[in-house]
């Protein structure tokens, strides 16, 4: 089973807790996460790749709630970070720095310094310019650190343009010739151990072929490096495994491993994986309440108390999230709705032209597959406090991030006396 949200007697449950009961205690909107789903998705990857004992660094950009991070870290996960703030969160969650990998194209000198002082495992470097800066910062601290070069293999992953990262025209990584040049000039970087290669071609990839194509390119590159006497210790295969949002048929962890593992037979790299959406996506839902329904000559609208500030993916990517009534009504007629929020933008929709049971004010509905890039991309647009986050484990639940208050909206602001 891909998640632990199911109906019992027409009531939606998260593990053993009725979602309606959480809503009555917590209010709406809120994000609801299943501990069992989060940890089992991690364990599926651990089991599938057991043969090579990879370091699985959960990509915390997908969902960086401290309770989620702690849950995964305690099950053996490392963390993939992309900012100083994520480093702080990783440390707060109790992650061993030797299991932290730092990726991303815009690391500042200050962020580099924080990560070096923390003793992280390695940096994924995206350009020669970044390599030069990292050498300067590391030299100043009198340290030596591990570096992987991020390769851009120019492979089309067949996903949305906004989450494609491995084509030549994107901002990510080094082409193979430039990466080779960096290895050739490694003596120029005495404080950097250039000992790894990183490749990440995109997100929500449902087929294995793009991965295989990219990894084969990288293996040819590695073979050439080794013939020249360069030692490569780390091979970071990134993330990008797709999940089911509607009718996709993505590969399982086991199917992915069967395609990938033969490529690395006989090679002694420490393999790193950076899954995010695969672990988090179907582990969470967004629960919202219907404020009003509205019928025009063109449409039926269901207006809910969650907006694009809470879940921006439909507006940003045109993404699909299944709609689950929190309480199913027997023999209810079906109506085609646009489900929209209270934000003053025409782009404020969570679903369009979706056939669901007839809705009325105060009905609760849930948007599925919202565990990844849901709360982590939320904002305070229209001066809206961000939603609560709730974690369920078995028959227990707890608010793991309190709903923001109006006072939170102005924290840190001040009005100068001369205004």
Protein backbone atom coordinates (compact mmCIF):
# COMPACT_ATOMS: atom_id res chain seq x y z
CA UNK A 1 0.00 0.00 0.00
CA UNK A 2 1.37 3.46 -0.88
CA UNK A 3 -0.10 5.25 2.16
CA UNK A 4 -2.00 4.84 5.44
CA UNK A 5 -5.04 7.00 4.73
CA UNK A 6 -8.20 4.95 4.21
CA UNK A 7 -11.95 4.90 4.72
CA UNK A 8 -13.64 2.94 7.49
CA UNK A 9 -17.43 3.12 7.65
CA UNK A 10 -17.26 6.06 5.18
CA UNK A 11 -14.99 8.05 7.50
CA UNK A 12 -11.45 9.00 6.44
CA UNK A 13 -8.76 7.76 8.81
CA UNK A 14 -5.05 8.44 9.10
CA UNK A 15 -3.65 5.21 10.52
CA UNK A 16 -6.01 4.59 13.48
CA UNK A 17 -7.24 8.17 13.96
CA UNK A 18 -10.41 9.61 12.44
CA UNK A 19 -9.50 12.75 10.48
CA UNK A 20 -12.74 14.47 11.46
CA UNK A 21 -11.76 14.19 15.14
CA UNK A 22 -8.43 15.90 14.47
CA UNK A 23 -10.20 18.71 12.59
CA UNK A 24 -12.55 19.34 15.50
CA UNK A 25 -9.57 19.68 17.86
CA UNK A 26 -7.10 21.52 15.65
CA UNK A 27 -9.26 23.59 13.28
CA UNK A 28 -8.66 23.98 9.55
CA UNK A 29 -6.73 24.08 7.34
CA UNK A 30 -4.02 21.70 8.55
CA UNK A 31 -1.45 19.32 7.13
CA UNK A 32 -1.76 15.76 8.40
CA UNK A 33 1.15 13.30 8.22
CA UNK A 34 1.35 9.56 8.74
CA UNK A 35 4.45 8.46 10.67
CA UNK A 36 4.02 4.89 9.37
CA UNK A 37 3.95 5.98 5.72
CA UNK A 38 6.98 8.25 6.06
CA UNK A 39 9.14 5.64 7.75
CA UNK A 40 7.98 2.71 5.61
CA UNK A 41 8.84 4.55 2.39
CA UNK A 42 12.36 5.06 3.73
CA UNK A 43 12.60 1.40 4.71
CA UNK A 44 11.46 0.30 1.24
CA UNK A 45 14.47 2.08 -0.25
CA UNK A 46 16.79 0.71 2.42
CA UNK A 47 15.60 -2.82 1.66
CA UNK A 48 15.69 -2.45 -2.14
CA UNK A 49 19.29 -1.18 -2.13
CA UNK A 50 20.51 -3.33 0.79
CA UNK A 51 23.09 -5.02 -1.45
CA UNK A 52 25.17 -1.82 -1.72
CA UNK A 53 24.33 -0.30 1.70
CA UNK A 54 23.80 3.26 0.42
CA UNK A 55 23.64 6.40 2.54
CA UNK A 56 20.05 7.57 2.06
CA UNK A 57 19.95 11.33 2.61
CA UNK A 58 16.32 12.42 2.74
CA UNK A 59 15.88 15.61 0.70
CA UNK A 60 14.45 17.82 3.40
CA UNK A 61 13.26 20.53 1.01
CA UNK A 62 10.26 18.24 0.40
CA UNK A 63 9.11 18.49 4.03
CA UNK A 64 11.38 19.86 6.75
CA UNK A 65 9.16 19.57 9.83
CA UNK A 66 11.40 18.67 12.78
CA UNK A 67 9.21 15.75 13.87
CA UNK A 68 9.42 14.25 10.38
CA UNK A 69 13.18 14.75 10.21
CA UNK A 70 13.68 13.18 13.65
CA UNK A 71 11.50 10.20 12.67
CA UNK A 72 13.59 9.50 9.56
CA UNK A 73 16.97 10.17 11.21
CA UNK A 74 16.12 7.65 13.95
CA UNK A 75 15.46 5.08 11.20
CA UNK A 76 18.97 5.60 9.81
CA UNK A 77 18.48 8.38 7.25
CA UNK A 78 20.93 11.17 6.58
CA UNK A 79 19.77 14.51 5.21
CA UNK A 80 20.25 16.39 1.94
CA UNK A 81 20.28 20.14 2.61
CA UNK A 82 20.30 23.21 0.34
CA UNK A 83 20.61 26.18 2.74
CA UNK A 84 21.95 27.36 6.06
CA UNK A 85 18.42 27.22 7.42
CA UNK A 86 18.11 23.58 6.45
CA UNK A 87 21.48 22.88 8.11
CA UNK A 88 20.08 24.44 11.29
CA UNK A 89 16.92 22.32 11.05
CA UNK A 90 18.98 19.18 10.40
CA UNK A 91 21.05 19.79 13.53
CA UNK A 92 17.92 20.59 15.58
CA UNK A 93 16.45 17.24 14.45
CA UNK A 94 19.54 15.44 15.76
CA UNK A 95 21.10 14.42 12.45
CA UNK A 96 24.73 13.29 12.63
CA UNK A 97 26.70 15.87 10.54
CA UNK A 98 28.63 13.00 8.94
CA UNK A 99 25.33 12.05 7.26
CA UNK A 100 24.59 15.53 5.87
CA UNK A 101 25.20 16.40 2.20
CA UNK A 102 24.98 20.04 1.06
CA UNK A 103 23.60 20.65 -2.46
CA UNK A 104 22.31 23.70 -4.36
CA UNK A 105 23.65 26.37 -6.70
CA UNK A 106 23.66 29.43 -4.42
CA UNK A 107 25.60 28.62 -1.26
CA UNK A 108 26.91 31.82 0.32
CA UNK A 109 30.35 32.03 1.96
CA UNK A 110 28.62 32.27 5.34
CA UNK A 111 26.56 29.13 4.68
CA UNK A 112 29.67 27.27 3.53
CA UNK A 113 31.46 28.26 6.72
CA UNK A 114 28.58 27.08 8.93
CA UNK A 115 28.53 23.69 7.19
CA UNK A 116 32.32 23.26 7.35
CA UNK A 117 32.34 24.07 11.07
CA UNK A 118 29.50 21.58 11.60
CA UNK A 119 31.59 18.82 9.99
CA UNK A 120 29.20 17.72 7.24
CA UNK A 121 30.05 14.74 5.02
CA UNK A 122 30.43 16.59 1.72
CA UNK A 123 29.44 19.45 -0.53
CA UNK A 124 27.89 18.94 -3.97
CA UNK A 125 29.56 21.68 -6.03
CA UNK A 126 27.82 23.16 -9.08
CA UNK A 127 30.48 25.33 -10.80
CA UNK A 128 34.20 26.12 -10.99
CA UNK A 129 33.45 29.49 -9.41
CA UNK A 130 31.82 27.78 -6.44
CA UNK A 131 34.83 25.46 -6.19
CA UNK A 132 37.15 28.49 -5.98
CA UNK A 133 35.03 30.11 -3.26
CA UNK A 134 34.79 26.89 -1.27
CA UNK A 135 38.59 26.53 -1.37
CA UNK A 136 39.00 30.09 -0.03
CA UNK A 137 36.49 29.60 2.78
CA UNK A 138 37.93 26.20 3.77
CA UNK A 139 41.50 27.51 3.73
CA UNK A 140 40.50 30.39 6.01
CA UNK A 141 39.14 27.85 8.51
CA UNK A 142 42.24 25.63 8.13
CA UNK A 143 40.09 22.60 7.33
CA UNK A 144 39.91 20.02 4.53
CA UNK A 145 36.54 18.84 3.26
CA UNK A 146 35.02 16.33 0.83
CA UNK A 147 33.57 17.57 -2.46
CA UNK A 148 31.40 15.93 -5.11
CA UNK A 149 31.07 17.58 -8.50
CA UNK A 150 27.51 17.75 -9.76
CA UNK A 151 27.36 16.50 -13.32
CA UNK A 152 24.74 17.81 -15.73
CA UNK A 153 24.37 14.86 -18.14
CA UNK A 154 22.01 16.70 -20.55
CA UNK A 155 19.26 14.07 -20.22
CA UNK A 156 15.55 14.85 -20.55
CA UNK A 157 13.79 13.25 -17.55
CA UNK A 158 10.33 13.61 -19.09
CA UNK A 159 8.89 15.66 -16.23
CA UNK A 160 7.58 19.23 -15.77
CA UNK A 161 9.99 21.92 -17.03
CA UNK A 162 10.09 23.61 -13.61
CA UNK A 163 11.44 20.44 -11.96
CA UNK A 164 13.82 19.35 -14.73
CA UNK A 165 17.40 19.78 -13.54
CA UNK A 166 19.60 17.58 -15.75
CA UNK A 167 19.32 19.29 -19.15
CA UNK A 168 22.07 21.53 -20.52
CA UNK A 169 19.97 24.71 -20.42
CA UNK A 170 19.19 24.49 -16.68
CA UNK A 171 21.20 26.26 -13.97
CA UNK A 172 22.37 23.04 -12.38
CA UNK A 173 25.70 21.25 -12.48
CA UNK A 174 28.78 21.08 -14.68
CA UNK A 175 29.04 19.63 -18.17
CA UNK A 176 31.35 16.60 -18.42
CA UNK A 177 34.26 18.52 -19.95
CA UNK A 178 34.22 21.15 -17.20
CA UNK A 179 33.95 18.49 -14.50
CA UNK A 180 36.93 16.69 -16.04
CA UNK A 181 38.88 19.95 -15.97
CA UNK A 182 38.13 20.32 -12.24
CA UNK A 183 39.53 16.85 -11.53
CA UNK A 184 42.62 17.65 -13.63
CA UNK A 185 43.19 20.84 -11.61
CA UNK A 186 42.51 19.31 -8.19
CA UNK A 187 46.00 20.30 -6.96
CA UNK A 188 44.76 23.89 -7.21
CA UNK A 189 42.43 23.09 -4.30
CA UNK A 190 44.62 21.80 -1.43
CA UNK A 191 41.83 22.15 1.13
CA UNK A 192 39.27 20.24 -0.95
CA UNK A 193 39.19 16.50 -1.44
CA UNK A 194 37.48 16.22 -4.83
CA UNK A 195 36.40 12.63 -4.36
CA UNK A 196 32.82 12.33 -5.58
CA UNK A 197 30.41 12.74 -8.46
CA UNK A 198 26.78 13.80 -8.07
CA UNK A 199 23.94 13.59 -10.60
CA UNK A 200 20.32 14.65 -10.15
CA UNK A 201 18.23 15.02 -13.31
CA UNK A 202 14.86 16.17 -11.97
CA UNK A 203 11.82 15.36 -9.87
CA UNK A 204 8.63 13.30 -10.25
CA UNK A 205 10.27 10.95 -12.80
CA UNK A 206 8.05 7.90 -13.28
CA UNK A 207 10.22 5.78 -15.63
CA UNK A 208 13.65 4.27 -15.12
CA UNK A 209 15.00 5.02 -18.63
CA UNK A 210 16.13 8.64 -17.96
CA UNK A 211 17.94 7.50 -14.82
CA UNK A 212 19.67 4.63 -16.63
CA UNK A 213 20.70 6.93 -19.49
CA UNK A 214 22.13 9.54 -17.11
CA UNK A 215 23.90 7.01 -14.88
CA UNK A 216 25.49 5.29 -17.89
CA UNK A 217 26.91 8.62 -19.02
CA UNK A 218 28.30 9.20 -15.55
CA UNK A 219 29.82 5.71 -15.38
CA UNK A 220 31.64 6.25 -18.68
CA UNK A 221 32.97 9.50 -17.22
CA UNK A 222 34.05 7.76 -14.00
CA UNK A 223 35.83 5.00 -15.91
CA UNK A 224 37.82 7.61 -17.84
CA UNK A 225 38.69 9.43 -14.59
CA UNK A 226 39.91 6.25 -12.93
CA UNK A 227 42.09 5.37 -15.93
CA UNK A 228 43.78 8.75 -15.42
CA UNK A 229 44.48 7.88 -11.79
CA UNK A 230 41.71 9.88 -10.08
CA UNK A 231 40.10 8.18 -7.08
CA UNK A 232 36.36 8.54 -6.74
CA UNK A 233 34.91 7.52 -3.39
CA UNK A 234 31.35 8.89 -3.43
CA UNK A 235 28.73 8.41 -6.14
CA UNK A 236 25.61 10.46 -5.40
CA UNK A 237 22.68 9.36 -7.57
CA UNK A 238 20.35 12.14 -6.37
CA UNK A 239 16.61 11.60 -6.11
CA UNK A 240 13.65 12.25 -8.39
CA UNK A 241 11.60 9.05 -8.05
CA UNK A 242 7.98 9.79 -8.93
CA UNK A 243 4.85 9.01 -6.94
CA UNK A 244 1.17 8.48 -7.72
CA UNK A 245 -0.83 11.71 -7.77
CA UNK A 246 -3.62 10.52 -10.08
CA UNK A 247 -3.08 7.93 -12.84
CA UNK A 248 0.72 7.76 -12.90
CA UNK A 249 2.32 4.32 -12.71
CA UNK A 250 5.73 5.04 -11.21
CA UNK A 251 8.31 2.38 -10.48
CA UNK A 252 8.55 0.96 -6.99
CA UNK A 253 11.77 1.15 -4.98
CA UNK A 254 12.35 -2.52 -5.77
CA UNK A 255 11.82 -2.04 -9.53
CA UNK A 256 14.12 0.99 -9.52
CA UNK A 257 16.84 -0.95 -7.69
CA UNK A 258 16.62 -3.84 -10.16
CA UNK A 259 17.27 -1.42 -13.03
CA UNK A 260 20.03 0.53 -11.29
CA UNK A 261 22.04 -1.98 -9.24
CA UNK A 262 23.45 -3.96 -12.20
CA UNK A 263 25.07 -0.75 -13.50
CA UNK A 264 27.29 -0.55 -10.41
CA UNK A 265 28.18 -4.22 -10.00
CA UNK A 266 31.85 -4.61 -9.12
CA UNK A 267 32.37 -0.90 -8.44
CA UNK A 268 33.34 0.16 -4.93
CA UNK A 269 31.73 3.56 -4.55
CA UNK A 270 29.85 4.73 -1.48
CA UNK A 271 26.48 5.33 -3.13
CA UNK A 272 24.31 8.18 -1.84
CA UNK A 273 20.59 8.53 -2.63
CA UNK A 274 18.60 11.74 -2.07
CA UNK A 275 14.88 10.84 -2.10
CA UNK A 276 12.39 13.51 -1.08
CA UNK A 277 8.99 13.27 -2.76
CA UNK A 278 9.19 9.45 -2.83
CA UNK A 279 9.28 9.40 0.98
CA UNK A 280 7.10 12.42 1.77
CA UNK A 281 4.57 12.87 -1.04
CA UNK A 282 1.92 10.30 -0.19
CA UNK A 283 2.67 10.51 3.53
CA UNK A 284 0.62 13.67 4.03
CA UNK A 285 -2.70 15.33 3.19
CA UNK A 286 -4.07 18.87 3.45
CA UNK A 287 -7.42 19.04 5.27
CA UNK A 288 -9.63 22.04 4.56
CA UNK A 289 -13.20 23.14 5.24
CA UNK A 290 -15.76 24.34 2.69
CA UNK A 291 -16.69 27.96 3.42
CA UNK A 292 -19.28 28.36 0.66
CA UNK A 293 -20.39 26.92 -2.63
CA UNK A 294 -21.12 29.15 -5.58
CA UNK A 295 -22.77 28.50 -8.93
CA UNK A 296 -22.27 30.74 -11.95
CA UNK A 297 -23.42 30.31 -15.53
CA UNK A 298 -20.04 28.75 -16.28
CA UNK A 299 -19.01 26.81 -13.17
CA UNK A 300 -19.72 25.27 -9.81
CA UNK A 301 -17.23 26.52 -7.22
CA UNK A 302 -16.38 25.11 -3.82
CA UNK A 303 -14.66 27.85 -1.80
CA UNK A 304 -12.46 26.42 0.96
CA UNK A 305 -10.39 27.88 3.79
CA UNK A 306 -7.08 26.72 2.29
CA UNK A 307 -5.56 28.73 -0.53
CA UNK A 308 -2.60 28.82 -2.88
CA UNK A 309 -0.53 30.17 0.01
CA UNK A 310 -1.09 26.79 1.73
CA UNK A 311 -0.68 24.57 -1.34
CA UNK A 312 0.84 26.34 -4.33
CA UNK A 313 1.59 23.29 -6.47
CA UNK A 314 -1.67 23.35 -8.51
CA UNK A 315 -1.18 27.05 -9.37
CA UNK A 316 2.57 26.70 -9.93
CA UNK A 317 2.78 23.39 -11.79
CA UNK A 318 -0.82 22.60 -12.71
CA UNK A 319 -0.37 19.61 -10.42
CA UNK A 320 -3.13 17.16 -9.53
CA UNK A 321 -4.09 16.25 -5.97
CA UNK A 322 -6.93 13.78 -5.47
CA UNK A 323 -9.86 15.12 -3.43
CA UNK A 324 -11.11 12.93 -0.61
CA UNK A 325 -14.28 13.84 1.32
CA UNK A 326 -13.44 13.43 4.99
CA UNK A 327 -16.89 11.90 5.41
CA UNK A 328 -18.45 10.10 2.46
CA UNK A 329 -22.17 10.57 1.93
CA UNK A 330 -24.05 7.47 0.81
CA UNK A 331 -25.60 7.87 -2.66
CA UNK A 332 -24.57 11.54 -2.86
CA UNK A 333 -24.90 13.05 -6.30
CA UNK A 334 -21.66 14.03 -8.05
CA UNK A 335 -20.93 17.62 -9.07
CA UNK A 336 -18.04 19.01 -11.12
CA UNK A 337 -16.31 21.72 -9.08
CA UNK A 338 -13.45 24.12 -9.25
CA UNK A 339 -12.11 24.06 -5.69
CA UNK A 340 -10.76 27.51 -4.91
CA UNK A 341 -9.40 29.41 -1.93
CA UNK A 342 -9.86 32.91 -0.47
CA UNK A 343 -6.72 34.45 -2.06
CA UNK A 344 -7.24 37.48 -4.33
CA UNK A 345 -5.73 35.82 -7.42
CA UNK A 346 -7.40 34.01 -10.32
CA UNK A 347 -4.61 31.47 -9.92
CA UNK A 348 -5.86 30.58 -6.44
CA UNK A 349 -7.24 27.12 -7.12
CA UNK A 350 -6.53 23.71 -5.63
CA UNK A 351 -8.41 21.73 -8.26
CA UNK A 352 -10.29 22.39 -11.49
CA UNK A 353 -13.17 20.54 -13.12
CA UNK A 354 -13.16 17.80 -10.51
CA UNK A 355 -16.13 15.49 -10.02
CA UNK A 356 -16.74 14.88 -6.32
CA UNK A 357 -19.72 14.26 -4.07
CA UNK A 358 -21.93 17.33 -3.70
CA UNK A 359 -20.39 19.71 -1.19
CA UNK A 360 -21.98 22.15 1.23
CA UNK A 361 -20.68 24.71 3.72
CA UNK A 362 -18.71 23.20 6.63
CA UNK A 363 -17.94 19.95 4.80
CA UNK A 364 -14.36 18.76 5.25
CA UNK A 365 -12.30 17.63 2.28
CA UNK A 366 -8.69 16.47 2.02
CA UNK A 367 -6.16 16.96 -0.74
CA UNK A 368 -4.07 13.82 -1.10
CA UNK A 369 -0.35 13.49 -1.84
CA UNK A 370 0.40 16.78 -0.09
CA UNK A 371 3.23 15.60 2.15
CA UNK A 372 5.94 16.86 -0.22
CA UNK A 373 6.31 20.51 -1.27
CA UNK A 374 3.09 21.38 0.51
CA UNK A 375 3.79 23.16 3.78
CA UNK A 376 7.45 23.64 2.79
CA UNK A 377 6.37 25.97 -0.06
CA UNK A 378 3.65 27.72 1.96
CA UNK A 379 3.65 31.50 2.42
CA UNK A 380 1.87 34.28 4.28
CA UNK A 381 0.48 35.89 1.11
CA UNK A 382 -2.65 37.99 1.79
CA UNK A 383 -1.46 38.13 5.43
CA UNK A 384 -2.65 34.58 6.06
CA UNK A 385 -1.14 32.68 8.99
CA UNK A 386 0.34 29.36 7.88
CA UNK A 387 -1.57 26.17 8.66
CA UNK A 388 -0.92 23.76 11.52
CA UNK A 389 0.95 20.50 10.97
CA UNK A 390 -0.17 17.31 12.70
CA UNK A 391 1.58 13.93 12.98
CA UNK A 392 -0.23 10.64 13.60
CA UNK A 393 1.40 7.48 14.88
CA UNK A 394 -1.01 4.61 15.38
CA UNK A 395 -3.85 5.87 17.55
CA UNK A 396 -2.01 9.02 18.73
CA UNK A 397 -1.73 12.42 17.13
CA UNK A 398 0.03 15.64 18.04
CA UNK A 399 0.33 19.13 16.59
CA UNK A 400 3.98 19.23 15.46
CA UNK A 401 3.79 22.83 14.28
CA UNK A 402 1.27 25.20 15.80
CA UNK A 403 -0.96 27.25 13.53
CA UNK A 404 0.52 30.72 13.13
CA UNK A 405 -1.23 33.66 14.77
CA UNK A 406 -1.74 37.20 13.53
CA UNK A 407 1.06 38.24 15.87
CA UNK A 408 3.40 35.87 14.02
CA UNK A 409 2.65 37.81 10.84
CA UNK A 410 4.32 40.97 12.17
CA UNK A 411 7.13 39.38 14.19
CA UNK A 412 10.38 41.15 13.37
CA UNK A 413 8.68 44.20 11.84
CA UNK A 414 8.92 47.67 13.29
CA UNK A 415 7.57 51.11 12.38
CA UNK A 416 10.32 53.77 12.51
CA UNK A 417 9.60 56.83 14.63
CA UNK A 418 10.13 59.04 11.58
CA UNK A 419 7.28 57.44 9.62
